[in-house]
PDB file of N, CA and C in Angstrom:
ATOM      1  N   UNK A   1     107.931 -81.807 188.290  1.00  0.00           N
ATOM      2  CA  UNK A   1     109.200 -81.152 188.450  1.00  0.00           C
ATOM      3  C   UNK A   1     110.191 -82.013 188.855  1.00  0.00           C
ATOM      4  N   UNK A   2     110.011 -83.312 188.900  1.00  0.00           N
ATOM      5  CA  UNK A   2     110.972 -84.223 189.490  1.00  0.00           C
ATOM      6  C   UNK A   2     112.331 -84.167 188.814  1.00  0.00           C
ATOM      7  N   UNK A   3     112.358 -84.018 187.566  1.00  0.00           N
ATOM      8  CA  UNK A   3     113.661 -84.084 186.819  1.00  0.00           C
ATOM      9  C   UNK A   3     114.510 -82.850 187.141  1.00  0.00           C
ATOM     10  N   UNK A   4     113.915 -81.690 187.532  1.00  0.00           N
ATOM     11  CA  UNK A   4     114.609 -80.553 187.892  1.00  0.00           C
ATOM     12  C   UNK A   4     115.037 -80.559 189.340  1.00  0.00           C
ATOM     13  N   UNK A   5     114.193 -81.138 190.173  1.00  0.00           N
ATOM     14  CA  UNK A   5     114.245 -80.990 191.625  1.00  0.00           C
ATOM     15  C   UNK A   5     114.655 -82.310 192.416  1.00  0.00           C
ATOM     16  N   UNK A   6     114.894 -83.326 191.625  1.00  0.00           N
ATOM     17  CA  UNK A   6     115.035 -84.574 192.284  1.00  0.00           C
ATOM     18  C   UNK A   6     116.260 -84.628 193.260  1.00  0.00           C
ATOM     19  N   UNK A   7     116.108 -85.047 194.453  1.00  0.00           N
ATOM     20  CA  UNK A   7     117.169 -85.140 195.332  1.00  0.00           C
ATOM     21  C   UNK A   7     117.441 -86.676 195.708  1.00  0.00           C
ATOM     22  N   UNK A   8     116.883 -87.526 194.948  1.00  0.00           N
ATOM     23  CA  UNK A   8     117.188 -88.973 195.079  1.00  0.00           C
ATOM     24  C   UNK A   8     116.126 -89.744 195.814  1.00  0.00           C
ATOM     25  N   UNK A   9     115.288 -89.017 196.631  1.00  0.00           N
ATOM     26  CA  UNK A   9     114.313 -89.728 197.488  1.00  0.00           C
ATOM     27  C   UNK A   9     112.914 -89.305 197.118  1.00  0.00           C
ATOM     28  N   UNK A  10     112.672 -88.571 196.009  1.00  0.00           N
ATOM     29  CA  UNK A  10     111.331 -88.148 195.598  1.00  0.00           C
ATOM     30  C   UNK A  10     110.554 -87.367 196.597  1.00  0.00           C
ATOM     31  N   UNK A  11     111.236 -86.825 197.642  1.00  0.00           N
ATOM     32  CA  UNK A  11     110.494 -85.993 198.597  1.00  0.00           C
ATOM     33  C   UNK A  11     110.805 -84.484 198.214  1.00  0.00           C
ATOM     34  N   UNK A  12     109.957 -83.968 197.386  1.00  0.00           N
ATOM     35  CA  UNK A  12     110.170 -82.582 196.877  1.00  0.00           C
ATOM     36  C   UNK A  12     109.668 -81.571 197.809  1.00  0.00           C
ATOM     37  N   UNK A  13     108.705 -81.920 198.594  1.00  0.00           N
ATOM     38  CA  UNK A  13     107.992 -80.862 199.457  1.00  0.00           C
ATOM     39  C   UNK A  13     109.036 -80.096 200.404  1.00  0.00           C
ATOM     40  N   UNK A  14     110.032 -80.711 200.824  1.00  0.00           N
ATOM     41  CA  UNK A  14     110.994 -80.126 201.828  1.00  0.00           C
ATOM     42  C   UNK A  14     112.307 -79.744 201.137  1.00  0.00           C
ATOM     43  N   UNK A  15     112.440 -79.952 199.855  1.00  0.00           N
ATOM     44  CA  UNK A  15     113.693 -79.737 199.085  1.00  0.00           C
ATOM     45  C   UNK A  15     113.911 -78.258 199.106  1.00  0.00           C
ATOM     46  N   UNK A  16     115.103 -77.746 199.455  1.00  0.00           N
ATOM     47  CA  UNK A  16     115.358 -76.280 199.448  1.00  0.00           C
ATOM     48  C   UNK A  16     115.109 -75.710 198.037  1.00  0.00           C
ATOM     49  N   UNK A  17     115.527 -76.312 197.067  1.00  0.00           N
ATOM     50  CA  UNK A  17     115.294 -75.863 195.612  1.00  0.00           C
ATOM     51  C   UNK A  17     113.886 -75.589 195.427  1.00  0.00           C
ATOM     52  N   UNK A  18     112.933 -76.334 195.857  1.00  0.00           N
ATOM     53  CA  UNK A  18     111.497 -76.270 195.739  1.00  0.00           C
ATOM     54  C   UNK A  18     110.958 -75.010 196.391  1.00  0.00           C
ATOM     55  N   UNK A  19     111.504 -74.779 197.592  1.00  0.00           N
ATOM     56  CA  UNK A  19     111.158 -73.550 198.203  1.00  0.00           C
ATOM     57  C   UNK A  19     111.624 -72.342 197.474  1.00  0.00           C
ATOM     58  N   UNK A  20     112.798 -72.380 196.991  1.00  0.00           N
ATOM     59  CA  UNK A  20     113.320 -71.124 196.160  1.00  0.00           C
ATOM     60  C   UNK A  20     112.535 -70.966 194.977  1.00  0.00           C
ATOM     61  N   UNK A  21     112.120 -72.062 194.326  1.00  0.00           N
ATOM     62  CA  UNK A  21     111.245 -71.881 192.981  1.00  0.00           C
ATOM     63  C   UNK A  21     109.853 -71.336 193.428  1.00  0.00           C
ATOM     64  N   UNK A  22     109.347 -71.730 194.611  1.00  0.00           N
ATOM     65  CA  UNK A  22     107.996 -71.306 194.970  1.00  0.00           C
ATOM     66  C   UNK A  22     108.077 -69.660 195.224  1.00  0.00           C
ATOM     67  N   UNK A  23     109.136 -69.298 195.811  1.00  0.00           N
ATOM     68  CA  UNK A  23     109.370 -67.838 196.021  1.00  0.00           C
ATOM     69  C   UNK A  23     109.527 -67.195 194.737  1.00  0.00           C
ATOM     70  N   UNK A  24     110.252 -67.716 193.788  1.00  0.00           N
ATOM     71  CA  UNK A  24     110.367 -67.127 192.509  1.00  0.00           C
ATOM     72  C   UNK A  24     109.066 -66.920 191.731  1.00  0.00           C
ATOM     73  N   UNK A  25     108.136 -68.058 191.760  1.00  0.00           N
ATOM     74  CA  UNK A  25     106.933 -67.968 191.212  1.00  0.00           C
ATOM     75  C   UNK A  25     105.989 -66.929 191.964  1.00  0.00           C
ATOM     76  N   UNK A  26     106.070 -66.789 193.163  1.00  0.00           N
ATOM     77  CA  UNK A  26     105.346 -65.757 193.983  1.00  0.00           C
ATOM     78  C   UNK A  26     105.765 -64.347 193.581  1.00  0.00           C
ATOM     79  N   UNK A  27     107.098 -64.265 193.333  1.00  0.00           N
ATOM     80  CA  UNK A  27     107.614 -62.852 192.892  1.00  0.00           C
ATOM     81  C   UNK A  27     106.937 -62.575 191.466  1.00  0.00           C
ATOM     82  N   UNK A  28     106.974 -63.560 190.569  1.00  0.00           N
ATOM     83  CA  UNK A  28     106.299 -63.345 189.261  1.00  0.00           C
ATOM     84  C   UNK A  28     104.856 -63.075 189.317  1.00  0.00           C
ATOM     85  N   UNK A  29     104.111 -63.567 190.275  1.00  0.00           N
ATOM     86  CA  UNK A  29     102.698 -63.281 190.495  1.00  0.00           C
ATOM     87  C   UNK A  29     102.499 -61.862 191.024  1.00  0.00           C
ATOM     88  N   UNK A  30     103.445 -61.419 191.850  1.00  0.00           N
ATOM     89  CA  UNK A  30     103.370 -60.108 192.448  1.00  0.00           C
ATOM     90  C   UNK A  30     103.626 -58.998 191.332  1.00  0.00           C
ATOM     91  N   UNK A  31     104.587 -59.349 190.451  1.00  0.00           N
ATOM     92  CA  UNK A  31     104.880 -58.459 189.329  1.00  0.00           C
ATOM     93  C   UNK A  31     106.107 -57.586 189.563  1.00  0.00           C
ATOM     94  N   UNK A  32     106.413 -56.885 188.442  1.00  0.00           N
ATOM     95  CA  UNK A  32     107.528 -55.960 188.504  1.00  0.00           C
ATOM     96  C   UNK A  32     107.399 -55.077 187.237  1.00  0.00           C
ATOM     97  N   UNK A  33     108.004 -53.890 187.339  1.00  0.00           N
ATOM     98  CA  UNK A  33     108.021 -53.074 186.093  1.00  0.00           C
ATOM     99  C   UNK A  33     109.290 -53.387 185.257  1.00  0.00           C
ATOM    100  N   UNK A  34     108.907 -53.944 184.064  1.00  0.00           N
ATOM    101  CA  UNK A  34     110.043 -54.408 183.139  1.00  0.00           C
ATOM    102  C   UNK A  34     110.036 -53.609 181.917  1.00  0.00           C
ATOM    103  N   UNK A  35     111.177 -53.555 181.269  1.00  0.00           N
ATOM    104  CA  UNK A  35     111.320 -52.721 179.965  1.00  0.00           C
ATOM    105  C   UNK A  35     110.799 -53.685 178.699  1.00  0.00           C
ATOM    106  N   UNK A  36     109.892 -53.107 178.138  1.00  0.00           N
ATOM    107  CA  UNK A  36     109.322 -53.893 176.872  1.00  0.00           C
ATOM    108  C   UNK A  36     109.555 -52.953 175.661  1.00  0.00           C
ATOM    109  N   UNK A  37     110.047 -53.732 174.657  1.00  0.00           N
ATOM    110  CA  UNK A  37     110.308 -53.053 173.352  1.00  0.00           C
ATOM    111  C   UNK A  37     108.964 -53.135 172.541  1.00  0.00           C
ATOM    112  N   UNK A  38     108.573 -52.118 172.008  1.00  0.00           N
ATOM    113  CA  UNK A  38     107.308 -51.989 171.170  1.00  0.00           C
ATOM    114  C   UNK A  38     107.674 -52.230 169.675  1.00  0.00           C
ATOM    115  N   UNK A  39     106.618 -52.225 168.839  1.00  0.00           N
ATOM    116  CA  UNK A  39     106.751 -52.517 167.398  1.00  0.00           C
ATOM    117  C   UNK A  39     107.698 -51.605 166.697  1.00  0.00           C
ATOM    118  N   UNK A  40     107.773 -50.355 167.227  1.00  0.00           N
ATOM    119  CA  UNK A  40     108.676 -49.484 166.650  1.00  0.00           C
ATOM    120  C   UNK A  40     110.122 -49.498 167.211  1.00  0.00           C
ATOM    121  N   UNK A  41     110.237 -50.469 168.123  1.00  0.00           N
ATOM    122  CA  UNK A  41     111.533 -50.634 168.824  1.00  0.00           C
ATOM    123  C   UNK A  41     111.824 -49.668 169.960  1.00  0.00           C
ATOM    124  N   UNK A  42     110.772 -48.856 170.335  1.00  0.00           N
ATOM    125  CA  UNK A  42     110.927 -47.936 171.413  1.00  0.00           C
ATOM    126  C   UNK A  42     110.686 -48.580 172.724  1.00  0.00           C
ATOM    127  N   UNK A  43     111.611 -48.624 173.626  1.00  0.00           N
ATOM    128  CA  UNK A  43     111.477 -49.301 174.896  1.00  0.00           C
ATOM    129  C   UNK A  43     110.635 -48.509 175.988  1.00  0.00           C
ATOM    130  N   UNK A  44     109.776 -49.129 176.697  1.00  0.00           N
ATOM    131  CA  UNK A  44     109.037 -48.547 177.731  1.00  0.00           C
ATOM    132  C   UNK A  44     108.896 -49.409 178.892  1.00  0.00           C
ATOM    133  N   UNK A  45     108.900 -48.909 180.120  1.00  0.00           N
ATOM    134  CA  UNK A  45     108.608 -49.726 181.320  1.00  0.00           C
ATOM    135  C   UNK A  45     107.109 -49.911 181.431  1.00  0.00           C
ATOM    136  N   UNK A  46     106.720 -51.225 181.728  1.00  0.00           N
ATOM    137  CA  UNK A  46     105.419 -51.598 181.859  1.00  0.00           C
ATOM    138  C   UNK A  46     105.304 -52.605 183.106  1.00  0.00           C
ATOM    139  N   UNK A  47     104.210 -52.602 183.835  1.00  0.00           N
ATOM    140  CA  UNK A  47     104.107 -53.543 184.927  1.00  0.00           C
ATOM    141  C   UNK A  47     103.735 -54.871 184.383  1.00  0.00           C
ATOM    142  N   UNK A  48     104.517 -55.839 184.702  1.00  0.00           N
ATOM    143  CA  UNK A  48     104.286 -57.242 184.210  1.00  0.00           C
ATOM    144  C   UNK A  48     103.991 -58.195 185.437  1.00  0.00           C
ATOM    145  N   UNK A  49     103.162 -59.219 185.195  1.00  0.00           N
ATOM    146  CA  UNK A  49     103.030 -60.240 186.332  1.00  0.00           C
ATOM    147  C   UNK A  49     102.540 -61.521 185.610  1.00  0.00           C
ATOM    148  N   UNK A  50     102.729 -62.511 186.384  1.00  0.00           N
ATOM    149  CA  UNK A  50     102.138 -63.817 185.893  1.00  0.00           C
ATOM    150  C   UNK A  50     100.669 -63.976 186.417  1.00  0.00           C
ATOM    151  N   UNK A  51      99.892 -64.616 185.668  1.00  0.00           N
ATOM    152  CA  UNK A  51      98.550 -64.908 186.130  1.00  0.00           C
ATOM    153  C   UNK A  51      98.589 -65.851 187.279  1.00  0.00           C
ATOM    154  N   UNK A  52      97.555 -65.889 188.157  1.00  0.00           N
ATOM    155  CA  UNK A  52      97.659 -66.698 189.400  1.00  0.00           C
ATOM    156  C   UNK A  52      97.708 -68.254 189.112  1.00  0.00           C
ATOM    157  N   UNK A  53      97.219 -68.571 187.844  1.00  0.00           N
ATOM    158  CA  UNK A  53      97.388 -69.931 187.500  1.00  0.00           C
ATOM    159  C   UNK A  53      98.721 -70.320 186.715  1.00  0.00           C
ATOM    160  N   UNK A  54      99.531 -69.199 186.585  1.00  0.00           N
ATOM    161  CA  UNK A  54     100.801 -69.348 185.976  1.00  0.00           C
ATOM    162  C   UNK A  54     100.794 -69.709 184.429  1.00  0.00           C
ATOM    163  N   UNK A  55      99.578 -69.480 183.736  1.00  0.00           N
ATOM    164  CA  UNK A  55      99.457 -69.872 182.443  1.00  0.00           C
ATOM    165  C   UNK A  55      99.621 -68.633 181.470  1.00  0.00           C
ATOM    166  N   UNK A  56      99.705 -67.500 182.074  1.00  0.00           N
ATOM    167  CA  UNK A  56      99.728 -66.228 181.192  1.00  0.00           C
ATOM    168  C   UNK A  56     100.719 -65.147 181.754  1.00  0.00           C
ATOM    169  N   UNK A  57     101.316 -64.484 180.906  1.00  0.00           N
ATOM    170  CA  UNK A  57     102.156 -63.308 181.262  1.00  0.00           C
ATOM    171  C   UNK A  57     101.294 -62.003 180.941  1.00  0.00           C
ATOM    172  N   UNK A  58     101.037 -61.270 181.902  1.00  0.00           N
ATOM    173  CA  UNK A  58     100.106 -60.119 181.707  1.00  0.00           C
ATOM    174  C   UNK A  58     100.906 -58.816 181.935  1.00  0.00           C
ATOM    175  N   UNK A  59     100.712 -57.877 181.099  1.00  0.00           N
ATOM    176  CA  UNK A  59     101.190 -56.484 181.380  1.00  0.00           C
ATOM    177  C   UNK A  59     100.188 -55.461 180.906  1.00  0.00           C
ATOM    178  N   UNK A  60     100.372 -54.172 181.475  1.00  0.00           N
ATOM    179  CA  UNK A  60      99.555 -53.173 181.221  1.00  0.00           C
ATOM    180  C   UNK A  60     100.274 -52.116 180.363  1.00  0.00           C
ATOM    181  N   UNK A  61      99.677 -51.841 179.173  1.00  0.00           N
ATOM    182  CA  UNK A  61     100.399 -50.790 178.324  1.00  0.00           C
ATOM    183  C   UNK A  61      99.440 -49.689 178.268  1.00  0.00           C
ATOM    184  N   UNK A  62      99.817 -48.743 177.489  1.00  0.00           N
ATOM    185  CA  UNK A  62      98.978 -47.617 177.205  1.00  0.00           C
ATOM    186  C   UNK A  62      97.604 -47.804 176.715  1.00  0.00           C
ATOM    187  N   UNK A  63      97.457 -48.951 176.011  1.00  0.00           N
ATOM    188  CA  UNK A  63      96.146 -49.335 175.417  1.00  0.00           C
ATOM    189  C   UNK A  63      95.453 -50.335 176.294  1.00  0.00           C
ATOM    190  N   UNK A  64      95.919 -50.511 177.493  1.00  0.00           N
ATOM    191  CA  UNK A  64      95.204 -51.369 178.399  1.00  0.00           C
ATOM    192  C   UNK A  64      95.899 -52.686 178.780  1.00  0.00           C
ATOM    193  N   UNK A  65      95.270 -53.639 179.396  1.00  0.00           N
ATOM    194  CA  UNK A  65      95.860 -54.877 179.783  1.00  0.00           C
ATOM    195  C   UNK A  65      96.122 -55.716 178.524  1.00  0.00           C
ATOM    196  N   UNK A  66      97.265 -56.270 178.429  1.00  0.00           N
ATOM    197  CA  UNK A  66      97.655 -57.187 177.332  1.00  0.00           C
ATOM    198  C   UNK A  66      98.137 -58.572 177.961  1.00  0.00           C
ATOM    199  N   UNK A  67      98.208 -59.558 177.136  1.00  0.00           N
ATOM    200  CA  UNK A  67      98.618 -60.842 177.808  1.00  0.00           C
ATOM    201  C   UNK A  67      99.201 -61.774 176.754  1.00  0.00           C
ATOM    202  N   UNK A  68     100.011 -62.756 177.130  1.00  0.00           N
ATOM    203  CA  UNK A  68     100.527 -63.732 176.294  1.00  0.00           C
ATOM    204  C   UNK A  68     100.454 -65.061 176.985  1.00  0.00           C
ATOM    205  N   UNK A  69     100.068 -66.133 176.268  1.00  0.00           N
ATOM    206  CA  UNK A  69      99.901 -67.420 176.814  1.00  0.00           C
ATOM    207  C   UNK A  69     101.282 -68.021 176.997  1.00  0.00           C
ATOM    208  N   UNK A  70     101.772 -68.341 178.117  1.00  0.00           N
ATOM    209  CA  UNK A  70     103.146 -68.952 178.352  1.00  0.00           C
ATOM    210  C   UNK A  70     103.318 -70.376 177.746  1.00  0.00           C
ATOM    211  N   UNK A  71     102.293 -71.083 177.462  1.00  0.00           N
ATOM    212  CA  UNK A  71     102.319 -72.419 176.813  1.00  0.00           C
ATOM    213  C   UNK A  71     102.834 -72.312 175.277  1.00  0.00           C
ATOM    214  N   UNK A  72     102.700 -71.061 174.755  1.00  0.00           N
ATOM    215  CA  UNK A  72     103.172 -70.871 173.418  1.00  0.00           C
ATOM    216  C   UNK A  72     104.551 -70.488 173.396  1.00  0.00           C
ATOM    217  N   UNK A  73     105.189 -70.249 174.623  1.00  0.00           N
ATOM    218  CA  UNK A  73     106.702 -69.852 174.595  1.00  0.00           C
ATOM    219  C   UNK A  73     107.528 -71.244 174.666  1.00  0.00           C
ATOM    220  N   UNK A  74     108.509 -71.182 173.788  1.00  0.00           N
ATOM    221  CA  UNK A  74     109.351 -72.413 173.771  1.00  0.00           C
ATOM    222  C   UNK A  74     110.633 -72.287 174.544  1.00  0.00           C
ATOM    223  N   UNK A  75     111.116 -71.071 174.754  1.00  0.00           N
ATOM    224  CA  UNK A  75     112.324 -70.897 175.542  1.00  0.00           C
ATOM    225  C   UNK A  75     112.349 -69.430 175.903  1.00  0.00           C
ATOM    226  N   UNK A  76     113.242 -69.234 176.901  1.00  0.00           N
ATOM    227  CA  UNK A  76     113.511 -67.752 177.344  1.00  0.00           C
ATOM    228  C   UNK A  76     114.965 -67.412 176.871  1.00  0.00           C
ATOM    229  N   UNK A  77     115.166 -66.326 176.169  1.00  0.00           N
ATOM    230  CA  UNK A  77     116.376 -66.051 175.657  1.00  0.00           C
ATOM    231  C   UNK A  77     116.788 -64.669 176.358  1.00  0.00           C
ATOM    232  N   UNK A  78     117.729 -64.614 177.267  1.00  0.00           N
ATOM    233  CA  UNK A  78     118.105 -63.370 177.868  1.00  0.00           C
ATOM    234  C   UNK A  78     118.602 -62.393 176.830  1.00  0.00           C
ATOM    235  N   UNK A  79     118.222 -61.147 176.991  1.00  0.00           N
ATOM    236  CA  UNK A  79     118.730 -60.161 176.015  1.00  0.00           C
ATOM    237  C   UNK A  79     120.022 -59.494 176.459  1.00  0.00           C
ATOM    238  N   UNK A  80     120.555 -58.660 175.684  1.00  0.00           N
ATOM    239  CA  UNK A  80     121.797 -57.939 176.003  1.00  0.00           C
ATOM    240  C   UNK A  80     121.532 -56.901 176.828  1.00  0.00           C
ATOM    241  N   UNK A  81     120.374 -56.326 177.059  1.00  0.00           N
ATOM    242  CA  UNK A  81     120.100 -55.218 177.911  1.00  0.00           C
ATOM    243  C   UNK A  81     119.316 -55.736 179.083  1.00  0.00           C
ATOM    244  N   UNK A  82     119.553 -55.122 180.314  1.00  0.00           N
ATOM    245  CA  UNK A  82     118.776 -55.491 181.349  1.00  0.00           C
ATOM    246  C   UNK A  82     117.344 -54.977 181.213  1.00  0.00           C
ATOM    247  N   UNK A  83     116.453 -55.848 181.573  1.00  0.00           N
ATOM    248  CA  UNK A  83     114.985 -55.355 181.449  1.00  0.00           C
ATOM    249  C   UNK A  83     114.445 -55.169 182.904  1.00  0.00           C
ATOM    250  N   UNK A  84     115.390 -55.387 183.888  1.00  0.00           N
ATOM    251  CA  UNK A  84     115.021 -55.335 185.326  1.00  0.00           C
ATOM    252  C   UNK A  84     115.895 -54.340 186.076  1.00  0.00           C
ATOM    253  N   UNK A  85     115.464 -54.065 187.349  1.00  0.00           N
ATOM    254  CA  UNK A  85     116.104 -53.135 188.194  1.00  0.00           C
ATOM    255  C   UNK A  85     117.520 -53.554 188.621  1.00  0.00           C
ATOM    256  N   UNK A  86     117.707 -54.900 188.738  1.00  0.00           N
ATOM    257  CA  UNK A  86     118.926 -55.418 189.292  1.00  0.00           C
ATOM    258  C   UNK A  86     119.264 -56.825 188.775  1.00  0.00           C
ATOM    259  N   UNK A  87     120.344 -57.296 189.058  1.00  0.00           N
ATOM    260  CA  UNK A  87     120.658 -58.689 188.551  1.00  0.00           C
ATOM    261  C   UNK A  87     119.833 -59.753 189.250  1.00  0.00           C
ATOM    262  N   UNK A  88     119.427 -59.633 190.596  1.00  0.00           N
ATOM    263  CA  UNK A  88     118.634 -60.524 191.208  1.00  0.00           C
ATOM    264  C   UNK A  88     117.213 -60.592 190.613  1.00  0.00           C
ATOM    265  N   UNK A  89     116.721 -59.407 190.184  1.00  0.00           N
ATOM    266  CA  UNK A  89     115.335 -59.477 189.530  1.00  0.00           C
ATOM    267  C   UNK A  89     115.418 -60.103 188.121  1.00  0.00           C
ATOM    268  N   UNK A  90     116.422 -59.890 187.431  1.00  0.00           N
ATOM    269  CA  UNK A  90     116.724 -60.496 186.204  1.00  0.00           C
ATOM    270  C   UNK A  90     116.685 -62.074 186.343  1.00  0.00           C
ATOM    271  N   UNK A  91     117.515 -62.589 187.360  1.00  0.00           N
ATOM    272  CA  UNK A  91     117.667 -63.992 187.633  1.00  0.00           C
ATOM    273  C   UNK A  91     116.298 -64.486 187.994  1.00  0.00           C
ATOM    274  N   UNK A  92     115.476 -63.769 188.790  1.00  0.00           N
ATOM    275  CA  UNK A  92     114.262 -64.219 189.307  1.00  0.00           C
ATOM    276  C   UNK A  92     113.220 -64.370 188.149  1.00  0.00           C
ATOM    277  N   UNK A  93     113.118 -63.414 187.286  1.00  0.00           N
ATOM    278  CA  UNK A  93     112.196 -63.500 186.197  1.00  0.00           C
ATOM    279  C   UNK A  93     112.593 -64.638 185.108  1.00  0.00           C
ATOM    280  N   UNK A  94     113.931 -64.660 184.872  1.00  0.00           N
ATOM    281  CA  UNK A  94     114.342 -65.828 183.877  1.00  0.00           C
ATOM    282  C   UNK A  94     114.087 -67.139 184.514  1.00  0.00           C
ATOM    283  N   UNK A  95     114.478 -67.384 185.807  1.00  0.00           N
ATOM    284  CA  UNK A  95     114.223 -68.661 186.380  1.00  0.00           C
ATOM    285  C   UNK A  95     112.623 -69.049 186.580  1.00  0.00           C
ATOM    286  N   UNK A  96     111.895 -68.000 186.872  1.00  0.00           N
ATOM    287  CA  UNK A  96     110.465 -68.275 186.998  1.00  0.00           C
ATOM    288  C   UNK A  96     109.782 -68.624 185.715  1.00  0.00           C
ATOM    289  N   UNK A  97     110.185 -67.723 184.725  1.00  0.00           N
ATOM    290  CA  UNK A  97     109.464 -68.029 183.395  1.00  0.00           C
ATOM    291  C   UNK A  97     109.989 -69.381 182.842  1.00  0.00           C
ATOM    292  N   UNK A  98     111.154 -69.681 183.020  1.00  0.00           N
ATOM    293  CA  UNK A  98     111.639 -70.904 182.543  1.00  0.00           C
ATOM    294  C   UNK A  98     111.019 -72.130 183.207  1.00  0.00           C
ATOM    295  N   UNK A  99     110.737 -71.939 184.461  1.00  0.00           N
ATOM    296  CA  UNK A  99     110.074 -72.959 185.278  1.00  0.00           C
ATOM    297  C   UNK A  99     108.596 -73.158 184.829  1.00  0.00           C
ATOM    298  N   UNK A 100     107.984 -72.071 184.567  1.00  0.00           N
ATOM    299  CA  UNK A 100     106.536 -72.051 184.120  1.00  0.00           C
ATOM    300  C   UNK A 100     106.520 -72.646 182.790  1.00  0.00           C
ATOM    301  N   UNK A 101     107.243 -72.282 181.801  1.00  0.00           N
ATOM    302  CA  UNK A 101     107.148 -72.760 180.427  1.00  0.00           C
ATOM    303  C   UNK A 101     107.498 -74.303 180.258  1.00  0.00           C
ATOM    304  N   UNK A 102     108.417 -74.779 181.179  1.00  0.00           N
ATOM    305  CA  UNK A 102     108.886 -76.198 181.055  1.00  0.00           C
ATOM    306  C   UNK A 102     107.629 -77.049 181.494  1.00  0.00           C
ATOM    307  N   UNK A 103     106.809 -76.482 182.422  1.00  0.00           N
ATOM    308  CA  UNK A 103     105.673 -77.413 182.846  1.00  0.00           C
ATOM    309  C   UNK A 103     104.310 -76.888 182.458  1.00  0.00           C
ATOM    310  N   UNK A 104     104.289 -76.075 181.291  1.00  0.00           N
ATOM    311  CA  UNK A 104     102.974 -75.592 180.872  1.00  0.00           C
ATOM    312  C   UNK A 104     102.465 -76.451 179.710  1.00  0.00           C
TER     313      UNK A 104
END
């Protein structure tokens, strides 16, 4: 993560940005109810979370637990509609997912 977090002295452990990213990743692991669009384009709220090893995005749908490997994601493109309850949650999920896919 050096290229994102470098403060010139390569001491990333105490860097404030590192702590912020750790909190963001923890939030993703705890999960949130996000709006997901299905194949028919009908949106529904589902519980989403990151796996503990940050390799997979997991959600529970009507048909059971589903997942997607984050190493297959090349970029995060924010949509025009909010998928989260507020702006902070949107920013948290976007930042966290971007951080995970950059280093997966």
